[in-house]
Amino acid sequence: MTKQVNFLAEYSERSDDELLQLASDRSSLTNQAAAALDDELRRRNLTESDRTKHQQFVTRNERREVTRRRRRIFGNWRDRRSWADLFWALLAMVLISSTYLALPNRYHLKPDWQESAVIMMFASVFIAVASSLLWRKAAFWTSLFISSGIHLVTAHLWIRRVGKFSHYQGELAILLGFVLFVVVYGFFWRLRRSLFGEEAVDGK
């Protein structure tokens, strides 16, 4: 009886969550502890339904914690997709460059056009790989083709004006490719919306 009184005093100082957790782990309690726990649960009007809800809450929290740990170790799906996009972009550029170098010299571009083509390739390949969700849209490929052409000519004219690009100018030239694509794609998107309405734009 004394032990049960001691358990009652101890349980009376615990929170509802702590008592419900003990109730979920009843098999680890002695008979006196279990009886005292039942008395305290009745005193607080905590039922089996409350215990079940608490256990579900604990399980959800444990799953979230496991997910957070995995993300800290492996990164979330966005991080993994970013690495995958980078890998495919680099692979595509390696294949394009290897194919170009394998061609006879008479098919190679002049140095100024060659540098502008490399700048254009960097921007176009990264845009294509990072925009995989848009691959089924004709407007995407049309915009990429047009913006890449404009980018190539613009970069070539820039090179002829300043000579060989510095590192900073090269970065700006690549960034120009992204800007041109956004402008061209935005133009086609607004044109389609004005001609066919919002439903056509959302559907295709």
N, C-alpha and C. Protein backbone atom coordinates (compact mmCIF):
# COMPACT_ATOMS: atom_id res chain seq x y z
N MET A 1 0.83 -1.20 0.00
CA MET A 1 0.00 0.00 0.00
C MET A 1 0.87 1.25 0.00
N THR A 2 1.97 1.18 0.81
CA THR A 2 2.86 2.34 0.89
C THR A 2 3.47 2.64 -0.46
N LYS A 3 3.87 1.55 -1.18
CA LYS A 3 4.46 1.74 -2.49
C LYS A 3 3.47 2.38 -3.44
N GLN A 4 2.19 1.94 -3.35
CA GLN A 4 1.18 2.52 -4.23
C GLN A 4 0.96 3.99 -3.92
N VAL A 5 1.00 4.36 -2.64
CA VAL A 5 0.86 5.76 -2.25
C VAL A 5 2.01 6.57 -2.82
N ASN A 6 3.20 5.99 -2.76
CA ASN A 6 4.36 6.68 -3.31
C ASN A 6 4.21 6.88 -4.83
N PHE A 7 3.70 5.85 -5.50
CA PHE A 7 3.48 5.98 -6.94
C PHE A 7 2.43 7.05 -7.24
N LEU A 8 1.37 7.08 -6.43
CA LEU A 8 0.33 8.09 -6.63
C LEU A 8 0.89 9.50 -6.49
N ALA A 9 1.73 9.69 -5.49
CA ALA A 9 2.34 11.01 -5.27
C ALA A 9 3.24 11.39 -6.44
N GLU A 10 3.99 10.40 -6.92
CA GLU A 10 4.88 10.67 -8.05
C GLU A 10 4.09 10.98 -9.31
N TYR A 11 3.06 10.18 -9.60
CA TYR A 11 2.28 10.38 -10.82
C TYR A 11 1.48 11.67 -10.79
N SER A 12 1.08 12.10 -9.62
CA SER A 12 0.29 13.33 -9.51
C SER A 12 1.10 14.55 -9.94
N GLU A 13 2.44 14.43 -9.90
CA GLU A 13 3.30 15.55 -10.28
C GLU A 13 3.70 15.51 -11.76
N ARG A 14 3.33 14.44 -12.43
CA ARG A 14 3.70 14.31 -13.84
C ARG A 14 2.63 14.92 -14.74
N SER A 15 3.08 15.25 -15.97
CA SER A 15 2.15 15.84 -16.94
C SER A 15 1.27 14.76 -17.56
N ASP A 16 0.21 15.21 -18.25
CA ASP A 16 -0.67 14.26 -18.92
C ASP A 16 0.09 13.44 -19.96
N ASP A 17 0.97 14.11 -20.72
CA ASP A 17 1.73 13.39 -21.75
C ASP A 17 2.62 12.31 -21.15
N GLU A 18 3.23 12.60 -20.01
CA GLU A 18 4.09 11.62 -19.36
C GLU A 18 3.28 10.42 -18.89
N LEU A 19 2.09 10.68 -18.35
CA LEU A 19 1.24 9.58 -17.88
C LEU A 19 0.76 8.73 -19.06
N LEU A 20 0.38 9.38 -20.14
CA LEU A 20 -0.08 8.63 -21.32
C LEU A 20 1.05 7.80 -21.93
N GLN A 21 2.26 8.32 -21.86
CA GLN A 21 3.40 7.57 -22.35
C GLN A 21 3.65 6.35 -21.48
N LEU A 22 3.51 6.52 -20.16
CA LEU A 22 3.64 5.38 -19.25
C LEU A 22 2.57 4.34 -19.53
N ALA A 23 1.36 4.82 -19.83
CA ALA A 23 0.26 3.90 -20.10
C ALA A 23 0.54 3.09 -21.37
N SER A 24 1.25 3.69 -22.33
CA SER A 24 1.60 2.97 -23.56
C SER A 24 2.69 1.93 -23.31
N ASP A 25 3.42 2.11 -22.21
CA ASP A 25 4.51 1.19 -21.87
C ASP A 25 4.20 0.45 -20.57
N ARG A 26 2.94 0.07 -20.43
CA ARG A 26 2.46 -0.51 -19.17
C ARG A 26 3.18 -1.81 -18.82
N SER A 27 3.65 -2.52 -19.81
CA SER A 27 4.27 -3.82 -19.53
C SER A 27 5.54 -3.69 -18.70
N SER A 28 6.14 -2.50 -18.67
CA SER A 28 7.37 -2.31 -17.92
C SER A 28 7.10 -1.93 -16.46
N LEU A 29 5.82 -1.73 -16.10
CA LEU A 29 5.46 -1.31 -14.75
C LEU A 29 5.15 -2.51 -13.84
N THR A 30 5.38 -2.31 -12.57
CA THR A 30 4.97 -3.32 -11.59
C THR A 30 3.46 -3.24 -11.39
N ASN A 31 2.90 -4.21 -10.71
CA ASN A 31 1.45 -4.20 -10.47
C ASN A 31 1.02 -2.98 -9.68
N GLN A 32 1.82 -2.62 -8.63
CA GLN A 32 1.48 -1.45 -7.81
C GLN A 32 1.56 -0.16 -8.63
N ALA A 33 2.60 -0.05 -9.48
CA ALA A 33 2.76 1.15 -10.31
C ALA A 33 1.62 1.25 -11.32
N ALA A 34 1.24 0.11 -11.91
CA ALA A 34 0.16 0.12 -12.89
C ALA A 34 -1.16 0.51 -12.25
N ALA A 35 -1.42 0.01 -11.03
CA ALA A 35 -2.65 0.36 -10.32
C ALA A 35 -2.69 1.83 -9.99
N ALA A 36 -1.56 2.38 -9.52
CA ALA A 36 -1.48 3.80 -9.19
C ALA A 36 -1.67 4.65 -10.45
N LEU A 37 -1.10 4.19 -11.55
CA LEU A 37 -1.24 4.92 -12.82
C LEU A 37 -2.70 4.95 -13.25
N ASP A 38 -3.39 3.82 -13.14
CA ASP A 38 -4.81 3.77 -13.51
C ASP A 38 -5.63 4.73 -12.65
N ASP A 39 -5.31 4.81 -11.34
CA ASP A 39 -6.02 5.74 -10.45
C ASP A 39 -5.82 7.18 -10.89
N GLU A 40 -4.58 7.51 -11.24
CA GLU A 40 -4.28 8.90 -11.64
C GLU A 40 -4.92 9.24 -12.98
N LEU A 41 -4.94 8.27 -13.89
CA LEU A 41 -5.58 8.49 -15.18
C LEU A 41 -7.07 8.72 -15.01
N ARG A 42 -7.71 7.95 -14.13
CA ARG A 42 -9.14 8.13 -13.88
C ARG A 42 -9.40 9.49 -13.24
N ARG A 43 -8.50 9.89 -12.35
CA ARG A 43 -8.68 11.18 -11.66
C ARG A 43 -8.63 12.34 -12.66
N ARG A 44 -7.84 12.18 -13.69
CA ARG A 44 -7.72 13.24 -14.69
C ARG A 44 -8.64 13.03 -15.90
N ASN A 45 -9.45 11.99 -15.83
CA ASN A 45 -10.39 11.68 -16.92
C ASN A 45 -9.66 11.41 -18.26
N LEU A 46 -8.52 10.78 -18.17
CA LEU A 46 -7.77 10.38 -19.35
C LEU A 46 -8.15 8.96 -19.72
N THR A 47 -8.61 8.76 -20.93
CA THR A 47 -9.15 7.48 -21.35
C THR A 47 -8.19 6.76 -22.31
N GLU A 48 -8.60 5.57 -22.71
CA GLU A 48 -7.82 4.79 -23.68
C GLU A 48 -7.72 5.54 -25.02
N SER A 49 -8.79 6.28 -25.35
CA SER A 49 -8.76 7.07 -26.58
C SER A 49 -7.67 8.14 -26.52
N ASP A 50 -7.52 8.77 -25.36
CA ASP A 50 -6.45 9.76 -25.19
C ASP A 50 -5.08 9.11 -25.35
N ARG A 51 -4.94 7.92 -24.80
CA ARG A 51 -3.65 7.22 -24.90
C ARG A 51 -3.33 6.91 -26.36
N THR A 52 -4.35 6.48 -27.12
CA THR A 52 -4.14 6.15 -28.53
C THR A 52 -3.74 7.38 -29.33
N LYS A 53 -4.44 8.49 -29.07
CA LYS A 53 -4.10 9.74 -29.79
C LYS A 53 -2.69 10.20 -29.46
N HIS A 54 -2.32 10.06 -28.18
CA HIS A 54 -0.97 10.46 -27.78
C HIS A 54 0.08 9.59 -28.45
N GLN A 55 -0.19 8.30 -28.54
CA GLN A 55 0.75 7.39 -29.17
C GLN A 55 0.92 7.70 -30.65
N GLN A 56 -0.19 8.05 -31.29
CA GLN A 56 -0.13 8.43 -32.71
C GLN A 56 0.69 9.70 -32.88
N PHE A 57 0.52 10.65 -31.95
CA PHE A 57 1.28 11.89 -31.99
C PHE A 57 2.77 11.62 -31.82
N VAL A 58 3.10 10.75 -30.89
CA VAL A 58 4.51 10.40 -30.66
C VAL A 58 5.10 9.72 -31.89
N THR A 59 4.33 8.83 -32.50
CA THR A 59 4.81 8.13 -33.70
C THR A 59 5.08 9.10 -34.83
N ARG A 60 4.17 10.06 -35.03
CA ARG A 60 4.37 11.06 -36.09
C ARG A 60 5.63 11.88 -35.83
N ASN A 61 5.84 12.28 -34.59
CA ASN A 61 7.04 13.06 -34.25
C ASN A 61 8.31 12.26 -34.48
N GLU A 62 8.26 10.96 -34.14
CA GLU A 62 9.43 10.12 -34.36
C GLU A 62 9.75 9.99 -35.85
N ARG A 63 8.71 9.87 -36.66
CA ARG A 63 8.93 9.77 -38.10
C ARG A 63 9.52 11.07 -38.65
N ARG A 64 9.01 12.20 -38.15
CA ARG A 64 9.55 13.48 -38.61
C ARG A 64 11.00 13.64 -38.21
N GLU A 65 11.34 13.17 -37.02
CA GLU A 65 12.73 13.26 -36.56
C GLU A 65 13.64 12.38 -37.42
N VAL A 66 13.15 11.19 -37.77
CA VAL A 66 13.93 10.31 -38.63
C VAL A 66 14.14 10.96 -40.00
N THR A 67 13.08 11.60 -40.52
CA THR A 67 13.19 12.28 -41.82
C THR A 67 14.18 13.43 -41.75
N ARG A 68 14.14 14.20 -40.64
CA ARG A 68 15.09 15.31 -40.49
C ARG A 68 16.53 14.80 -40.43
N ARG A 69 16.73 13.68 -39.73
CA ARG A 69 18.08 13.12 -39.65
C ARG A 69 18.57 12.66 -41.02
N ARG A 70 17.68 12.03 -41.78
CA ARG A 70 18.07 11.58 -43.12
C ARG A 70 18.42 12.77 -44.00
N ARG A 71 17.65 13.84 -43.86
CA ARG A 71 17.94 15.03 -44.67
C ARG A 71 19.28 15.64 -44.31
N ARG A 72 19.59 15.61 -43.00
CA ARG A 72 20.89 16.16 -42.60
C ARG A 72 22.03 15.33 -43.16
N ILE A 73 21.80 14.00 -43.28
CA ILE A 73 22.86 13.11 -43.76
C ILE A 73 22.91 13.10 -45.29
N PHE A 74 21.75 12.91 -45.93
CA PHE A 74 21.72 12.71 -47.37
C PHE A 74 21.20 13.92 -48.14
N GLY A 75 20.61 14.90 -47.43
CA GLY A 75 19.99 16.02 -48.12
C GLY A 75 18.58 15.67 -48.53
N ASN A 76 17.73 16.70 -48.72
CA ASN A 76 16.36 16.43 -49.13
C ASN A 76 16.29 16.20 -50.64
N TRP A 77 15.07 15.94 -51.13
CA TRP A 77 14.96 15.56 -52.54
C TRP A 77 15.34 16.69 -53.46
N ARG A 78 15.15 17.93 -53.02
CA ARG A 78 15.55 19.07 -53.84
C ARG A 78 17.07 19.14 -53.97
N ASP A 79 17.75 18.88 -52.85
CA ASP A 79 19.21 18.88 -52.91
C ASP A 79 19.70 17.79 -53.85
N ARG A 80 19.10 16.59 -53.73
CA ARG A 80 19.52 15.49 -54.59
C ARG A 80 19.22 15.80 -56.05
N ARG A 81 18.09 16.44 -56.32
CA ARG A 81 17.75 16.80 -57.70
C ARG A 81 18.73 17.84 -58.23
N SER A 82 19.14 18.78 -57.38
CA SER A 82 20.11 19.79 -57.81
C SER A 82 21.42 19.15 -58.23
N TRP A 83 21.87 18.18 -57.42
CA TRP A 83 23.11 17.47 -57.77
C TRP A 83 22.93 16.67 -59.05
N ALA A 84 21.76 16.07 -59.23
CA ALA A 84 21.49 15.30 -60.45
C ALA A 84 21.47 16.22 -61.67
N ASP A 85 20.82 17.39 -61.52
CA ASP A 85 20.79 18.35 -62.62
C ASP A 85 22.20 18.79 -63.00
N LEU A 86 23.02 19.05 -61.98
CA LEU A 86 24.39 19.47 -62.26
C LEU A 86 25.16 18.37 -62.99
N PHE A 87 24.97 17.13 -62.56
CA PHE A 87 25.66 16.00 -63.21
C PHE A 87 25.27 15.88 -64.67
N TRP A 88 23.96 15.93 -64.96
CA TRP A 88 23.50 15.77 -66.34
C TRP A 88 23.93 16.94 -67.20
N ALA A 89 23.95 18.14 -66.61
CA ALA A 89 24.39 19.31 -67.37
C ALA A 89 25.86 19.17 -67.76
N LEU A 90 26.69 18.77 -66.79
CA LEU A 90 28.12 18.59 -67.08
C LEU A 90 28.33 17.47 -68.10
N LEU A 91 27.58 16.38 -67.95
CA LEU A 91 27.71 15.27 -68.89
C LEU A 91 27.33 15.71 -70.30
N ALA A 92 26.26 16.48 -70.41
CA ALA A 92 25.82 16.96 -71.73
C ALA A 92 26.89 17.84 -72.36
N MET A 93 27.49 18.73 -71.56
CA MET A 93 28.52 19.61 -72.10
C MET A 93 29.77 18.84 -72.52
N VAL A 94 30.11 17.81 -71.75
CA VAL A 94 31.26 16.98 -72.11
C VAL A 94 31.00 16.26 -73.43
N LEU A 95 29.79 15.72 -73.61
CA LEU A 95 29.46 15.02 -74.84
C LEU A 95 29.46 15.97 -76.04
N ILE A 96 28.88 17.15 -75.85
CA ILE A 96 28.85 18.12 -76.94
C ILE A 96 30.27 18.55 -77.31
N SER A 97 31.09 18.84 -76.30
CA SER A 97 32.46 19.27 -76.56
C SER A 97 33.27 18.17 -77.23
N SER A 98 33.10 16.93 -76.75
CA SER A 98 33.85 15.81 -77.34
C SER A 98 33.46 15.59 -78.79
N THR A 99 32.17 15.70 -79.08
CA THR A 99 31.70 15.53 -80.46
C THR A 99 32.27 16.63 -81.36
N TYR A 100 32.26 17.84 -80.85
CA TYR A 100 32.79 18.97 -81.63
C TYR A 100 34.29 18.80 -81.91
N LEU A 101 35.05 18.43 -80.88
CA LEU A 101 36.49 18.27 -81.06
C LEU A 101 36.84 17.10 -81.98
N ALA A 102 35.93 16.13 -82.04
CA ALA A 102 36.17 14.96 -82.91
C ALA A 102 35.96 15.28 -84.38
N LEU A 103 35.30 16.40 -84.68
CA LEU A 103 35.06 16.79 -86.06
C LEU A 103 36.36 17.24 -86.72
N PRO A 104 36.45 17.09 -88.02
CA PRO A 104 37.63 17.61 -88.74
C PRO A 104 37.74 19.12 -88.54
N ASN A 105 38.95 19.65 -88.63
CA ASN A 105 39.20 21.07 -88.37
C ASN A 105 38.40 21.99 -89.28
N ARG A 106 38.10 21.52 -90.49
CA ARG A 106 37.38 22.40 -91.42
C ARG A 106 35.96 22.68 -90.96
N TYR A 107 35.47 21.88 -90.01
CA TYR A 107 34.12 22.10 -89.48
C TYR A 107 34.14 22.90 -88.17
N HIS A 108 35.32 23.26 -87.70
CA HIS A 108 35.41 24.02 -86.45
C HIS A 108 35.12 25.50 -86.70
N LEU A 109 34.60 26.15 -85.68
CA LEU A 109 34.29 27.57 -85.77
C LEU A 109 35.55 28.40 -85.62
N LYS A 110 35.45 29.66 -86.04
CA LYS A 110 36.54 30.59 -85.81
C LYS A 110 36.65 30.86 -84.31
N PRO A 111 37.82 31.27 -83.80
CA PRO A 111 38.02 31.44 -82.36
C PRO A 111 36.98 32.32 -81.68
N ASP A 112 36.62 33.46 -82.29
CA ASP A 112 35.65 34.35 -81.65
C ASP A 112 34.26 33.71 -81.58
N TRP A 113 33.87 33.02 -82.66
CA TRP A 113 32.60 32.30 -82.64
C TRP A 113 32.66 31.10 -81.70
N GLN A 114 33.81 30.49 -81.61
CA GLN A 114 33.95 29.33 -80.75
C GLN A 114 33.76 29.70 -79.28
N GLU A 115 34.34 30.84 -78.88
CA GLU A 115 34.18 31.28 -77.49
C GLU A 115 32.74 31.65 -77.19
N SER A 116 32.08 32.32 -78.12
CA SER A 116 30.68 32.68 -77.90
C SER A 116 29.79 31.43 -77.89
N ALA A 117 30.18 30.41 -78.69
CA ALA A 117 29.40 29.16 -78.69
C ALA A 117 29.52 28.44 -77.36
N VAL A 118 30.70 28.47 -76.74
CA VAL A 118 30.90 27.84 -75.43
C VAL A 118 30.05 28.56 -74.38
N ILE A 119 30.03 29.89 -74.44
CA ILE A 119 29.21 30.67 -73.51
C ILE A 119 27.74 30.30 -73.67
N MET A 120 27.29 30.24 -74.93
CA MET A 120 25.90 29.89 -75.20
C MET A 120 25.58 28.48 -74.73
N MET A 121 26.51 27.54 -74.93
CA MET A 121 26.29 26.16 -74.53
C MET A 121 26.10 26.04 -73.02
N PHE A 122 26.94 26.73 -72.26
CA PHE A 122 26.80 26.68 -70.81
C PHE A 122 25.38 27.08 -70.38
N ALA A 123 24.93 28.21 -70.88
CA ALA A 123 23.62 28.71 -70.47
C ALA A 123 22.50 27.80 -70.96
N SER A 124 22.55 27.39 -72.22
CA SER A 124 21.46 26.61 -72.81
C SER A 124 21.33 25.23 -72.17
N VAL A 125 22.47 24.58 -71.93
CA VAL A 125 22.43 23.24 -71.33
C VAL A 125 21.88 23.30 -69.91
N PHE A 126 22.33 24.27 -69.13
CA PHE A 126 21.82 24.37 -67.76
C PHE A 126 20.33 24.71 -67.74
N ILE A 127 19.90 25.57 -68.64
CA ILE A 127 18.47 25.89 -68.72
C ILE A 127 17.67 24.64 -69.07
N ALA A 128 18.14 23.89 -70.07
CA ALA A 128 17.42 22.70 -70.50
C ALA A 128 17.33 21.65 -69.40
N VAL A 129 18.44 21.40 -68.72
CA VAL A 129 18.46 20.38 -67.67
C VAL A 129 17.63 20.80 -66.46
N ALA A 130 17.74 22.07 -66.07
CA ALA A 130 17.03 22.55 -64.88
C ALA A 130 15.54 22.72 -65.13
N SER A 131 15.12 22.75 -66.39
CA SER A 131 13.70 22.99 -66.72
C SER A 131 13.04 21.73 -67.25
N SER A 132 13.39 20.58 -66.70
CA SER A 132 12.87 19.30 -67.22
C SER A 132 11.34 19.22 -67.16
N LEU A 133 10.72 19.95 -66.23
CA LEU A 133 9.26 19.93 -66.12
C LEU A 133 8.59 20.60 -67.32
N LEU A 134 9.35 21.38 -68.08
CA LEU A 134 8.79 22.10 -69.21
C LEU A 134 9.10 21.43 -70.55
N TRP A 135 9.73 20.27 -70.52
CA TRP A 135 10.18 19.63 -71.76
C TRP A 135 9.03 19.30 -72.72
N ARG A 136 7.85 19.07 -72.19
CA ARG A 136 6.73 18.69 -73.05
C ARG A 136 6.07 19.89 -73.71
N LYS A 137 6.50 21.08 -73.37
CA LYS A 137 5.90 22.29 -73.91
C LYS A 137 6.70 22.78 -75.11
N ALA A 138 5.99 22.93 -76.22
CA ALA A 138 6.66 23.41 -77.44
C ALA A 138 7.20 24.82 -77.23
N ALA A 139 6.50 25.62 -76.44
CA ALA A 139 6.94 26.99 -76.20
C ALA A 139 8.30 27.03 -75.52
N PHE A 140 8.58 26.04 -74.69
CA PHE A 140 9.87 25.99 -74.00
C PHE A 140 11.01 25.81 -75.00
N TRP A 141 10.89 24.81 -75.88
CA TRP A 141 11.96 24.53 -76.84
C TRP A 141 12.09 25.65 -77.86
N THR A 142 10.96 26.22 -78.28
CA THR A 142 11.01 27.35 -79.20
C THR A 142 11.73 28.53 -78.56
N SER A 143 11.39 28.80 -77.29
CA SER A 143 12.03 29.91 -76.58
C SER A 143 13.51 29.65 -76.39
N LEU A 144 13.86 28.41 -76.06
CA LEU A 144 15.28 28.08 -75.85
C LEU A 144 16.07 28.22 -77.15
N PHE A 145 15.48 27.77 -78.26
CA PHE A 145 16.16 27.86 -79.55
C PHE A 145 16.38 29.33 -79.95
N ILE A 146 15.33 30.14 -79.81
CA ILE A 146 15.43 31.54 -80.20
C ILE A 146 16.39 32.30 -79.28
N SER A 147 16.25 32.09 -77.96
CA SER A 147 17.11 32.81 -77.02
C SER A 147 18.56 32.38 -77.16
N SER A 148 18.79 31.11 -77.48
CA SER A 148 20.16 30.63 -77.68
C SER A 148 20.79 31.28 -78.90
N GLY A 149 20.00 31.43 -79.96
CA GLY A 149 20.50 32.09 -81.16
C GLY A 149 20.85 33.55 -80.90
N ILE A 150 19.95 34.24 -80.20
CA ILE A 150 20.21 35.64 -79.85
C ILE A 150 21.43 35.73 -78.94
N HIS A 151 21.53 34.80 -78.01
CA HIS A 151 22.65 34.78 -77.08
C HIS A 151 23.98 34.58 -77.82
N LEU A 152 24.00 33.66 -78.77
CA LEU A 152 25.21 33.38 -79.53
C LEU A 152 25.69 34.62 -80.29
N VAL A 153 24.76 35.27 -80.99
CA VAL A 153 25.12 36.45 -81.78
C VAL A 153 25.55 37.60 -80.87
N THR A 154 24.82 37.79 -79.76
CA THR A 154 25.16 38.87 -78.84
C THR A 154 26.53 38.66 -78.22
N ALA A 155 26.81 37.42 -77.79
CA ALA A 155 28.11 37.12 -77.20
C ALA A 155 29.22 37.33 -78.22
N HIS A 156 28.97 36.96 -79.47
CA HIS A 156 29.98 37.13 -80.53
C HIS A 156 30.28 38.62 -80.76
N LEU A 157 29.24 39.43 -80.84
CA LEU A 157 29.44 40.87 -81.03
C LEU A 157 30.17 41.49 -79.85
N TRP A 158 29.85 41.00 -78.65
CA TRP A 158 30.52 41.49 -77.44
C TRP A 158 32.01 41.15 -77.48
N ILE A 159 32.31 39.92 -77.86
CA ILE A 159 33.72 39.49 -77.94
C ILE A 159 34.48 40.31 -78.98
N ARG A 160 33.86 40.56 -80.12
CA ARG A 160 34.52 41.36 -81.15
C ARG A 160 34.79 42.78 -80.68
N ARG A 161 33.95 43.25 -79.77
CA ARG A 161 34.11 44.61 -79.27
C ARG A 161 35.20 44.72 -78.21
N VAL A 162 35.25 43.75 -77.27
CA VAL A 162 36.16 43.85 -76.12
C VAL A 162 37.36 42.92 -76.25
N GLY A 163 37.35 42.03 -77.23
CA GLY A 163 38.41 41.03 -77.29
C GLY A 163 38.05 39.82 -76.44
N LYS A 164 39.04 39.09 -75.99
CA LYS A 164 38.78 37.89 -75.18
C LYS A 164 38.13 38.27 -73.86
N PHE A 165 37.11 37.49 -73.46
CA PHE A 165 36.39 37.77 -72.21
C PHE A 165 37.30 37.57 -71.00
N SER A 166 37.12 38.46 -70.02
CA SER A 166 37.71 38.21 -68.70
C SER A 166 36.79 37.24 -67.96
N HIS A 167 37.24 36.76 -66.80
CA HIS A 167 36.42 35.83 -66.02
C HIS A 167 35.08 36.46 -65.67
N TYR A 168 35.10 37.71 -65.24
CA TYR A 168 33.87 38.41 -64.85
C TYR A 168 32.95 38.60 -66.05
N GLN A 169 33.53 38.99 -67.20
CA GLN A 169 32.73 39.18 -68.39
C GLN A 169 32.13 37.86 -68.88
N GLY A 170 32.88 36.77 -68.72
CA GLY A 170 32.35 35.46 -69.09
C GLY A 170 31.14 35.09 -68.26
N GLU A 171 31.21 35.37 -66.96
CA GLU A 171 30.06 35.08 -66.09
C GLU A 171 28.85 35.91 -66.49
N LEU A 172 29.08 37.19 -66.78
CA LEU A 172 27.98 38.05 -67.21
C LEU A 172 27.38 37.56 -68.53
N ALA A 173 28.25 37.09 -69.43
CA ALA A 173 27.76 36.60 -70.71
C ALA A 173 26.89 35.36 -70.53
N ILE A 174 27.29 34.46 -69.62
CA ILE A 174 26.46 33.27 -69.35
C ILE A 174 25.14 33.68 -68.72
N LEU A 175 25.19 34.61 -67.77
CA LEU A 175 23.96 35.10 -67.13
C LEU A 175 23.02 35.73 -68.14
N LEU A 176 23.59 36.38 -69.16
CA LEU A 176 22.77 36.97 -70.21
C LEU A 176 21.91 35.93 -70.90
N GLY A 177 22.44 34.71 -71.05
CA GLY A 177 21.67 33.64 -71.67
C GLY A 177 20.41 33.30 -70.88
N PHE A 178 20.53 33.28 -69.55
CA PHE A 178 19.36 33.00 -68.71
C PHE A 178 18.34 34.12 -68.82
N VAL A 179 18.83 35.36 -68.83
CA VAL A 179 17.93 36.51 -68.93
C VAL A 179 17.18 36.50 -70.26
N LEU A 180 17.90 36.22 -71.35
CA LEU A 180 17.27 36.17 -72.66
C LEU A 180 16.21 35.09 -72.73
N PHE A 181 16.49 33.92 -72.14
CA PHE A 181 15.50 32.85 -72.16
C PHE A 181 14.24 33.25 -71.41
N VAL A 182 14.40 33.86 -70.23
CA VAL A 182 13.24 34.29 -69.45
C VAL A 182 12.41 35.30 -70.22
N VAL A 183 13.08 36.23 -70.89
CA VAL A 183 12.37 37.25 -71.67
C VAL A 183 11.61 36.62 -72.82
N VAL A 184 12.26 35.73 -73.58
CA VAL A 184 11.61 35.10 -74.73
C VAL A 184 10.48 34.19 -74.30
N TYR A 185 10.74 33.37 -73.27
CA TYR A 185 9.68 32.46 -72.80
C TYR A 185 8.51 33.25 -72.24
N GLY A 186 8.80 34.34 -71.52
CA GLY A 186 7.74 35.19 -71.00
C GLY A 186 6.92 35.81 -72.12
N PHE A 187 7.57 36.17 -73.21
CA PHE A 187 6.85 36.73 -74.37
C PHE A 187 5.88 35.69 -74.94
N PHE A 188 6.36 34.46 -75.15
CA PHE A 188 5.50 33.42 -75.70
C PHE A 188 4.36 33.09 -74.73
N TRP A 189 4.66 33.10 -73.44
CA TRP A 189 3.62 32.79 -72.45
C TRP A 189 2.53 33.83 -72.47
N ARG A 190 2.90 35.11 -72.54
CA ARG A 190 1.91 36.19 -72.58
C ARG A 190 1.16 36.17 -73.90
N LEU A 191 1.87 35.85 -74.99
CA LEU A 191 1.20 35.79 -76.29
C LEU A 191 0.15 34.69 -76.31
N ARG A 192 0.50 33.52 -75.81
CA ARG A 192 -0.45 32.41 -75.78
C ARG A 192 -1.63 32.73 -74.87
N ARG A 193 -1.35 33.38 -73.77
CA ARG A 193 -2.43 33.74 -72.84
C ARG A 193 -3.38 34.74 -73.47
N SER A 194 -2.85 35.70 -74.21
CA SER A 194 -3.72 36.70 -74.84
C SER A 194 -4.54 36.10 -75.98
N LEU A 195 -3.99 35.07 -76.64
CA LEU A 195 -4.69 34.47 -77.77
C LEU A 195 -5.68 33.39 -77.35
N PHE A 196 -5.30 32.58 -76.36
CA PHE A 196 -6.12 31.42 -76.02
C PHE A 196 -6.68 31.44 -74.60
N GLY A 197 -6.27 32.39 -73.77
CA GLY A 197 -6.80 32.47 -72.41
C GLY A 197 -5.97 31.70 -71.42
N GLU A 198 -6.30 31.86 -70.13
CA GLU A 198 -5.53 31.26 -69.06
C GLU A 198 -5.60 29.74 -69.07
N GLU A 199 -6.75 29.16 -69.43
CA GLU A 199 -6.91 27.70 -69.39
C GLU A 199 -5.95 27.01 -70.36
N ALA A 200 -5.75 27.62 -71.54
CA ALA A 200 -4.83 27.03 -72.51
C ALA A 200 -3.41 27.09 -72.02
N VAL A 201 -3.05 28.18 -71.34
CA VAL A 201 -1.70 28.31 -70.81
C VAL A 201 -1.46 27.30 -69.71
N ASP A 202 -2.44 27.10 -68.82
CA ASP A 202 -2.28 26.14 -67.72
C ASP A 202 -2.31 24.71 -68.22
N GLY A 203 -3.03 24.45 -69.29
CA GLY A 203 -3.19 23.08 -69.76
C GLY A 203 -2.03 22.58 -70.58
N LYS A 204 -1.28 23.48 -71.19
CA LYS A 204 -0.18 23.03 -72.06
C LYS A 204 1.05 23.86 -71.79
